[in-house]
Amino acid sequence: MQIDKSAHVHPKAELAADVVVGPCCVIGPDVKIGPGTVLENNVTVTGHTTLGANNRIFPYAVLGEPPQDLKYRGAPTRLVVGDKNVIRECVTLNTGTELGGGVTTVGSNNFLMACSHVAHDCILGDHIIFANCVLLGGHVKVESHAKVMGLVGVNPFATVGQHVYVGGLTRIVQDVPPYMIFEGNPGKVHQVNVIGLQRAGFTDAQVAALEEAHRVIFRCKVLNRNKAIDEMERQGNLTAEVQNLIAFLRAMQRGKSGRARQPH
């Protein structure tokens, strides 16, 4: 274990044998850090926080501070981070709230660029990229393989679907359907994320099926969205990705203000 002499590591913190703690880092008593994780310098990890293996945390990142929620009254809520994440400078990850389930979760193999914020009770999947200054409100869910560009703000309780590409400066106030390119203020679906899907290994047939679904659901001028979805389901023979897209849209419509996770 390499701990710089200027770092402050609470004696009750649990660190794997090969963790590296750089200069001026602060690690609290209820922190657990897995093998191979590196804290560069001036990193704060506090609260009931668990970091998995082989994460790399850059200067001035702050992990595990209490939620920025006026209803929070000091309950021992948690932050859980998986493996092989890169968390760049000045990123903040808050713990959860009792009302939100008590835990903020970040998966594995994610790249969170400088100055991004993950608020209380958020759920992040795997292989996600946040460019600089992506700001998540509380209770946001980001599904795996999402790519969110810089200076994007996400409304509390919104869901960002898998394999989406969100353009820079987008304002997200509703759920973002999976597999799409989404941008604007407020954001809207523009087209299927063809390049992203191809890079992720989707076949031409899978991409073509999503493009047809996009044409029917988002571009049809004869049927409204609900009727367009009904028509697609009536025709049947839908790929797994199109079925997932339809299920996502159904849940979005049932939610409050277009956000499936927001309670009524």
Foldseek 3Di string as FASTA:
>chain_A
DAADPQEAAPPQEAEDPAEHHAHHEYEENQEYEEEQEYEHYQEYAYANEYHYHNEYEEHQEYEEAAFPDPPADDPRAYEYEYYAEYHYHNEYEYGAGVVLPRGAYHYHQEYEYHPEYHGHNEAEYHCEYEAYHEYEDANEYEYPCEYEYEPEYADHLEYEAHLEYEDYPEYHDAHHFPQFYWGDDPIDTDAGPVVSCVVVPDDPVLRVLVRVLCCQQPPDPPDHNVVSLVVVVVVDPHDPSSVSRSVLQVLLVPDDPSRNRDDD
